[in-house]
Amino acid sequence: MPNRPSRHQMAVMIWLAVFPTLVVLQLLLGGLLQDTPMVLRTLVLATIAVPIVVYGLLPLLQSLRARLF
């Protein structure tokens, strides 16, 4: 059974997954969402970003971490 990541490692992995995802989504959807209220814009971005991070990027980063450590 692989070692579980420490809180610090998990925080770094989450940041490495969330930040680029949000940047890419802002670049792709920023123009479409520029006139929407901030709360609605944040809701749309979070609704798209969370599944990408949770089901796509975090498992990939955890797998990479398991190979390195």
PDB file of N, CA and C in Angstrom:
ATOM      1  N   MET A   1       0.849  -1.186   0.000  1.00  0.00           N
ATOM      2  CA  MET A   1       0.000   0.000   0.000  1.00  0.00           C
ATOM      3  C   MET A   1       0.892   1.246   0.000  1.00  0.00           C
ATOM      4  N   PRO A   2       0.686   2.174  -0.943  1.00  0.00           N
ATOM      5  CA  PRO A   2       1.536   3.366  -1.001  1.00  0.00           C
ATOM      6  C   PRO A   2       1.294   4.282   0.197  1.00  0.00           C
ATOM      7  N   ASN A   3       2.331   5.021   0.552  1.00  0.00           N
ATOM      8  CA  ASN A   3       2.199   5.990   1.641  1.00  0.00           C
ATOM      9  C   ASN A   3       1.236   7.088   1.232  1.00  0.00           C
ATOM     10  N   ARG A   4       0.445   7.513   2.194  1.00  0.00           N
ATOM     11  CA  ARG A   4      -0.472   8.620   1.931  1.00  0.00           C
ATOM     12  C   ARG A   4       0.322   9.914   1.931  1.00  0.00           C
ATOM     13  N   PRO A   5      -0.073  10.866   1.107  1.00  0.00           N
ATOM     14  CA  PRO A   5       0.645  12.138   1.094  1.00  0.00           C
ATOM     15  C   PRO A   5       0.409  12.903   2.397  1.00  0.00           C
ATOM     16  N   SER A   6       1.420  13.643   2.814  1.00  0.00           N
ATOM     17  CA  SER A   6       1.259  14.498   3.991  1.00  0.00           C
ATOM     18  C   SER A   6       0.315  15.648   3.631  1.00  0.00           C
ATOM     19  N   ARG A   7      -0.107  16.369   4.625  1.00  0.00           N
ATOM     20  CA  ARG A   7      -0.978  17.524   4.366  1.00  0.00           C
ATOM     21  C   ARG A   7      -0.285  18.536   3.465  1.00  0.00           C
ATOM     22  N   HIS A   8       1.001  18.725   3.698  1.00  0.00           N
ATOM     23  CA  HIS A   8       1.757  19.684   2.894  1.00  0.00           C
ATOM     24  C   HIS A   8       1.854  19.227   1.435  1.00  0.00           C
ATOM     25  N   GLN A   9       2.117  17.946   1.236  1.00  0.00           N
ATOM     26  CA  GLN A   9       2.180  17.419  -0.120  1.00  0.00           C
ATOM     27  C   GLN A   9       0.817  17.518  -0.803  1.00  0.00           C
ATOM     28  N   MET A  10      -0.231  17.226  -0.066  1.00  0.00           N
ATOM     29  CA  MET A  10      -1.578  17.301  -0.623  1.00  0.00           C
ATOM     30  C   MET A  10      -1.919  18.745  -0.991  1.00  0.00           C
ATOM     31  N   ALA A  11      -1.541  19.690  -0.137  1.00  0.00           N
ATOM     32  CA  ALA A  11      -1.794  21.101  -0.426  1.00  0.00           C
ATOM     33  C   ALA A  11      -1.078  21.530  -1.701  1.00  0.00           C
ATOM     34  N   VAL A  12       0.162  21.098  -1.861  1.00  0.00           N
ATOM     35  CA  VAL A  12       0.919  21.442  -3.075  1.00  0.00           C
ATOM     36  C   VAL A  12       0.282  20.802  -4.301  1.00  0.00           C
ATOM     37  N   MET A  13      -0.114  19.539  -4.190  1.00  0.00           N
ATOM     38  CA  MET A  13      -0.753  18.869  -5.327  1.00  0.00           C
ATOM     39  C   MET A  13      -2.058  19.563  -5.711  1.00  0.00           C
ATOM     40  N   ILE A  14      -2.853  19.951  -4.726  1.00  0.00           N
ATOM     41  CA  ILE A  14      -4.108  20.640  -5.020  1.00  0.00           C
ATOM     42  C   ILE A  14      -3.825  21.968  -5.703  1.00  0.00           C
ATOM     43  N   TRP A  15      -2.843  22.706  -5.189  1.00  0.00           N
ATOM     44  CA  TRP A  15      -2.501  23.985  -5.807  1.00  0.00           C
ATOM     45  C   TRP A  15      -2.034  23.774  -7.248  1.00  0.00           C
ATOM     46  N   LEU A  16      -1.181  22.751  -7.458  1.00  0.00           N
ATOM     47  CA  LEU A  16      -0.675  22.466  -8.802  1.00  0.00           C
ATOM     48  C   LEU A  16      -1.790  22.065  -9.761  1.00  0.00           C
ATOM     49  N   ALA A  17      -2.873  21.533  -9.256  1.00  0.00           N
ATOM     50  CA  ALA A  17      -4.007  21.158 -10.101  1.00  0.00           C
ATOM     51  C   ALA A  17      -4.978  22.324 -10.301  1.00  0.00           C
ATOM     52  N   VAL A  18      -5.255  23.063  -9.236  1.00  0.00           N
ATOM     53  CA  VAL A  18      -6.288  24.106  -9.284  1.00  0.00           C
ATOM     54  C   VAL A  18      -5.819  25.347 -10.044  1.00  0.00           C
ATOM     55  N   PHE A  19      -4.640  25.851  -9.729  1.00  0.00           N
ATOM     56  CA  PHE A  19      -4.206  27.110 -10.323  1.00  0.00           C
ATOM     57  C   PHE A  19      -4.169  27.066 -11.851  1.00  0.00           C
ATOM     58  N   PRO A  20      -3.457  26.086 -12.447  1.00  0.00           N
ATOM     59  CA  PRO A  20      -3.439  26.073 -13.919  1.00  0.00           C
ATOM     60  C   PRO A  20      -4.818  25.831 -14.536  1.00  0.00           C
ATOM     61  N   THR A  21      -5.629  25.025 -13.856  1.00  0.00           N
ATOM     62  CA  THR A  21      -6.981  24.776 -14.367  1.00  0.00           C
ATOM     63  C   THR A  21      -7.777  26.072 -14.431  1.00  0.00           C
ATOM     64  N   LEU A  22      -7.700  26.858 -13.367  1.00  0.00           N
ATOM     65  CA  LEU A  22      -8.436  28.127 -13.344  1.00  0.00           C
ATOM     66  C   LEU A  22      -7.883  29.115 -14.371  1.00  0.00           C
ATOM     67  N   VAL A  23      -6.575  29.151 -14.543  1.00  0.00           N
ATOM     68  CA  VAL A  23      -5.985  30.043 -15.548  1.00  0.00           C
ATOM     69  C   VAL A  23      -6.484  29.670 -16.942  1.00  0.00           C
ATOM     70  N   VAL A  24      -6.444  28.379 -17.269  1.00  0.00           N
ATOM     71  CA  VAL A  24      -6.892  27.934 -18.591  1.00  0.00           C
ATOM     72  C   VAL A  24      -8.377  28.233 -18.780  1.00  0.00           C
ATOM     73  N   LEU A  25      -9.188  27.955 -17.771  1.00  0.00           N
ATOM     74  CA  LEU A  25     -10.623  28.233 -17.892  1.00  0.00           C
ATOM     75  C   LEU A  25     -10.881  29.723 -18.066  1.00  0.00           C
ATOM     76  N   GLN A  26     -10.127  30.555 -17.346  1.00  0.00           N
ATOM     77  CA  GLN A  26     -10.293  32.009 -17.500  1.00  0.00           C
ATOM     78  C   GLN A  26      -9.928  32.445 -18.917  1.00  0.00           C
ATOM     79  N   LEU A  27      -8.844  31.866 -19.444  1.00  0.00           N
ATOM     80  CA  LEU A  27      -8.445  32.210 -20.814  1.00  0.00           C
ATOM     81  C   LEU A  27      -9.491  31.767 -21.830  1.00  0.00           C
ATOM     82  N   LEU A  28     -10.054  30.569 -21.618  1.00  0.00           N
ATOM     83  CA  LEU A  28     -11.031  30.039 -22.565  1.00  0.00           C
ATOM     84  C   LEU A  28     -12.407  30.682 -22.435  1.00  0.00           C
ATOM     85  N   LEU A  29     -12.835  30.939 -21.200  1.00  0.00           N
ATOM     86  CA  LEU A  29     -14.213  31.384 -20.971  1.00  0.00           C
ATOM     87  C   LEU A  29     -14.332  32.827 -20.499  1.00  0.00           C
ATOM     88  N   GLY A  30     -13.205  33.470 -20.248  1.00  0.00           N
ATOM     89  CA  GLY A  30     -13.240  34.833 -19.710  1.00  0.00           C
ATOM     90  C   GLY A  30     -14.061  35.788 -20.547  1.00  0.00           C
ATOM     91  N   GLY A  31     -13.892  35.724 -21.852  1.00  0.00           N
ATOM     92  CA  GLY A  31     -14.646  36.611 -22.733  1.00  0.00           C
ATOM     93  C   GLY A  31     -16.141  36.350 -22.688  1.00  0.00           C
ATOM     94  N   LEU A  32     -16.507  35.077 -22.611  1.00  0.00           N
ATOM     95  CA  LEU A  32     -17.934  34.727 -22.571  1.00  0.00           C
ATOM     96  C   LEU A  32     -18.585  35.129 -21.255  1.00  0.00           C
ATOM     97  N   LEU A  33     -17.803  35.098 -20.188  1.00  0.00           N
ATOM     98  CA  LEU A  33     -18.365  35.334 -18.857  1.00  0.00           C
ATOM     99  C   LEU A  33     -18.099  36.738 -18.322  1.00  0.00           C
ATOM    100  N   GLN A  34     -17.470  37.590 -19.113  1.00  0.00           N
ATOM    101  CA  GLN A  34     -17.063  38.893 -18.594  1.00  0.00           C
ATOM    102  C   GLN A  34     -18.226  39.770 -18.137  1.00  0.00           C
ATOM    103  N   ASP A  35     -19.383  39.608 -18.741  1.00  0.00           N
ATOM    104  CA  ASP A  35     -20.529  40.443 -18.369  1.00  0.00           C
ATOM    105  C   ASP A  35     -21.436  39.795 -17.324  1.00  0.00           C
ATOM    106  N   THR A  36     -21.094  38.606 -16.864  1.00  0.00           N
ATOM    107  CA  THR A  36     -21.912  37.947 -15.848  1.00  0.00           C
ATOM    108  C   THR A  36     -21.482  38.408 -14.460  1.00  0.00           C
ATOM    109  N   PRO A  37     -22.393  38.390 -13.509  1.00  0.00           N
ATOM    110  CA  PRO A  37     -22.025  38.766 -12.140  1.00  0.00           C
ATOM    111  C   PRO A  37     -20.935  37.840 -11.591  1.00  0.00           C
ATOM    112  N   MET A  38     -20.092  38.370 -10.722  1.00  0.00           N
ATOM    113  CA  MET A  38     -18.945  37.634 -10.206  1.00  0.00           C
ATOM    114  C   MET A  38     -19.347  36.303  -9.574  1.00  0.00           C
ATOM    115  N   VAL A  39     -20.418  36.278  -8.808  1.00  0.00           N
ATOM    116  CA  VAL A  39     -20.826  35.037  -8.134  1.00  0.00           C
ATOM    117  C   VAL A  39     -21.224  33.989  -9.160  1.00  0.00           C
ATOM    118  N   LEU A  40     -21.946  34.374 -10.183  1.00  0.00           N
ATOM    119  CA  LEU A  40     -22.346  33.427 -11.229  1.00  0.00           C
ATOM    120  C   LEU A  40     -21.124  32.952 -12.018  1.00  0.00           C
ATOM    121  N   ARG A  41     -20.217  33.878 -12.336  1.00  0.00           N
ATOM    122  CA  ARG A  41     -18.984  33.523 -13.051  1.00  0.00           C
ATOM    123  C   ARG A  41     -18.165  32.531 -12.234  1.00  0.00           C
ATOM    124  N   THR A  42     -18.052  32.770 -10.929  1.00  0.00           N
ATOM    125  CA  THR A  42     -17.317  31.872 -10.041  1.00  0.00           C
ATOM    126  C   THR A  42     -18.006  30.513  -9.970  1.00  0.00           C
ATOM    127  N   LEU A  43     -19.329  30.496  -9.906  1.00  0.00           N
ATOM    128  CA  LEU A  43     -20.086  29.240  -9.885  1.00  0.00           C
ATOM    129  C   LEU A  43     -19.832  28.425 -11.145  1.00  0.00           C
ATOM    130  N   VAL A  44     -19.863  29.072 -12.289  1.00  0.00           N
ATOM    131  CA  VAL A  44     -19.628  28.367 -13.555  1.00  0.00           C
ATOM    132  C   VAL A  44     -18.209  27.804 -13.593  1.00  0.00           C
ATOM    133  N   LEU A  45     -17.226  28.620 -13.244  1.00  0.00           N
ATOM    134  CA  LEU A  45     -15.832  28.163 -13.280  1.00  0.00           C
ATOM    135  C   LEU A  45     -15.589  27.030 -12.284  1.00  0.00           C
ATOM    136  N   ALA A  46     -16.151  27.143 -11.086  1.00  0.00           N
ATOM    137  CA  ALA A  46     -15.975  26.092 -10.080  1.00  0.00           C
ATOM    138  C   ALA A  46     -16.660  24.800 -10.520  1.00  0.00           C
ATOM    139  N   THR A  47     -17.817  24.915 -11.141  1.00  0.00           N
ATOM    140  CA  THR A  47     -18.548  23.736 -11.605  1.00  0.00           C
ATOM    141  C   THR A  47     -17.759  22.981 -12.669  1.00  0.00           C
ATOM    142  N   ILE A  48     -17.015  23.695 -13.473  1.00  0.00           N
ATOM    143  CA  ILE A  48     -16.184  23.053 -14.493  1.00  0.00           C
ATOM    144  C   ILE A  48     -14.858  22.585 -13.897  1.00  0.00           C
ATOM    145  N   ALA A  49     -14.249  23.406 -13.052  1.00  0.00           N
ATOM    146  CA  ALA A  49     -12.906  23.126 -12.540  1.00  0.00           C
ATOM    147  C   ALA A  49     -12.867  21.957 -11.556  1.00  0.00           C
ATOM    148  N   VAL A  50     -13.834  21.858 -10.675  1.00  0.00           N
ATOM    149  CA  VAL A  50     -13.782  20.824  -9.628  1.00  0.00           C
ATOM    150  C   VAL A  50     -13.729  19.419 -10.203  1.00  0.00           C
ATOM    151  N   PRO A  51     -14.592  19.038 -11.138  1.00  0.00           N
ATOM    152  CA  PRO A  51     -14.460  17.676 -11.699  1.00  0.00           C
ATOM    153  C   PRO A  51     -13.143  17.454 -12.436  1.00  0.00           C
ATOM    154  N   ILE A  52     -12.653  18.471 -13.134  1.00  0.00           N
ATOM    155  CA  ILE A  52     -11.367  18.336 -13.825  1.00  0.00           C
ATOM    156  C   ILE A  52     -10.270  18.036 -12.823  1.00  0.00           C
ATOM    157  N   VAL A  53     -10.269  18.777 -11.724  1.00  0.00           N
ATOM    158  CA  VAL A  53      -9.231  18.603 -10.700  1.00  0.00           C
ATOM    159  C   VAL A  53      -9.399  17.270  -9.975  1.00  0.00           C
ATOM    160  N   VAL A  54     -10.605  16.982  -9.505  1.00  0.00           N
ATOM    161  CA  VAL A  54     -10.829  15.807  -8.653  1.00  0.00           C
ATOM    162  C   VAL A  54     -10.701  14.501  -9.433  1.00  0.00           C
ATOM    163  N   TYR A  55     -11.269  14.445 -10.628  1.00  0.00           N
ATOM    164  CA  TYR A  55     -11.276  13.194 -11.373  1.00  0.00           C
ATOM    165  C   TYR A  55     -10.134  13.069 -12.384  1.00  0.00           C
ATOM    166  N   GLY A  56      -9.517  14.168 -12.742  1.00  0.00           N
ATOM    167  CA  GLY A  56      -8.474  14.122 -13.749  1.00  0.00           C
ATOM    168  C   GLY A  56      -7.086  14.403 -13.215  1.00  0.00           C
ATOM    169  N   LEU A  57      -6.897  15.592 -12.674  1.00  0.00           N
ATOM    170  CA  LEU A  57      -5.549  16.026 -12.331  1.00  0.00           C
ATOM    171  C   LEU A  57      -5.024  15.467 -11.015  1.00  0.00           C
ATOM    172  N   LEU A  58      -5.850  15.425  -9.976  1.00  0.00           N
ATOM    173  CA  LEU A  58      -5.346  14.905  -8.696  1.00  0.00           C
ATOM    174  C   LEU A  58      -4.940  13.437  -8.778  1.00  0.00           C
ATOM    175  N   PRO A  59      -5.727  12.566  -9.405  1.00  0.00           N
ATOM    176  CA  PRO A  59      -5.249  11.180  -9.536  1.00  0.00           C
ATOM    177  C   PRO A  59      -3.929  11.093 -10.303  1.00  0.00           C
ATOM    178  N   LEU A  60      -3.779  11.915 -11.318  1.00  0.00           N
ATOM    179  CA  LEU A  60      -2.535  11.936 -12.072  1.00  0.00           C
ATOM    180  C   LEU A  60      -1.367  12.392 -11.190  1.00  0.00           C
ATOM    181  N   LEU A  61      -1.571  13.445 -10.422  1.00  0.00           N
ATOM    182  CA  LEU A  61      -0.520  13.943  -9.533  1.00  0.00           C
ATOM    183  C   LEU A  61      -0.216  12.951  -8.414  1.00  0.00           C
ATOM    184  N   GLN A  62      -1.234  12.281  -7.897  1.00  0.00           N
ATOM    185  CA  GLN A  62      -1.004  11.287  -6.844  1.00  0.00           C
ATOM    186  C   GLN A  62      -0.206  10.106  -7.390  1.00  0.00           C
ATOM    187  N   SER A  63      -0.499   9.714  -8.603  1.00  0.00           N
ATOM    188  CA  SER A  63       0.248   8.632  -9.234  1.00  0.00           C
ATOM    189  C   SER A  63       1.705   9.044  -9.448  1.00  0.00           C
ATOM    190  N   LEU A  64       1.903  10.256  -9.912  1.00  0.00           N
ATOM    191  CA  LEU A  64       3.258  10.767 -10.095  1.00  0.00           C
ATOM    192  C   LEU A  64       4.001  10.848  -8.769  1.00  0.00           C
ATOM    193  N   ARG A  65       3.332  11.312  -7.733  1.00  0.00           N
ATOM    194  CA  ARG A  65       3.920  11.402  -6.411  1.00  0.00           C
ATOM    195  C   ARG A  65       4.324  10.013  -5.890  1.00  0.00           C
ATOM    196  N   ALA A  66       3.479   9.022  -6.123  1.00  0.00           N
ATOM    197  CA  ALA A  66       3.757   7.664  -5.656  1.00  0.00           C
ATOM    198  C   ALA A  66       5.013   7.108  -6.326  1.00  0.00           C
ATOM    199  N   ARG A  67       5.216   7.461  -7.581  1.00  0.00           N
ATOM    200  CA  ARG A  67       6.427   7.013  -8.278  1.00  0.00           C
ATOM    201  C   ARG A  67       7.683   7.713  -7.785  1.00  0.00           C
ATOM    202  N   LEU A  68       7.544   8.976  -7.406  1.00  0.00           N
ATOM    203  CA  LEU A  68       8.708   9.758  -6.978  1.00  0.00           C
ATOM    204  C   LEU A  68       9.093   9.505  -5.517  1.00  0.00           C
ATOM    205  N   PHE A  69       8.104   9.253  -4.683  1.00  0.00           N
ATOM    206  CA  PHE A  69       8.383   9.098  -3.257  1.00  0.00           C
ATOM    207  C   PHE A  69       8.123   7.678  -2.877  1.00  0.00           C
TER     208      PHE A  69
END
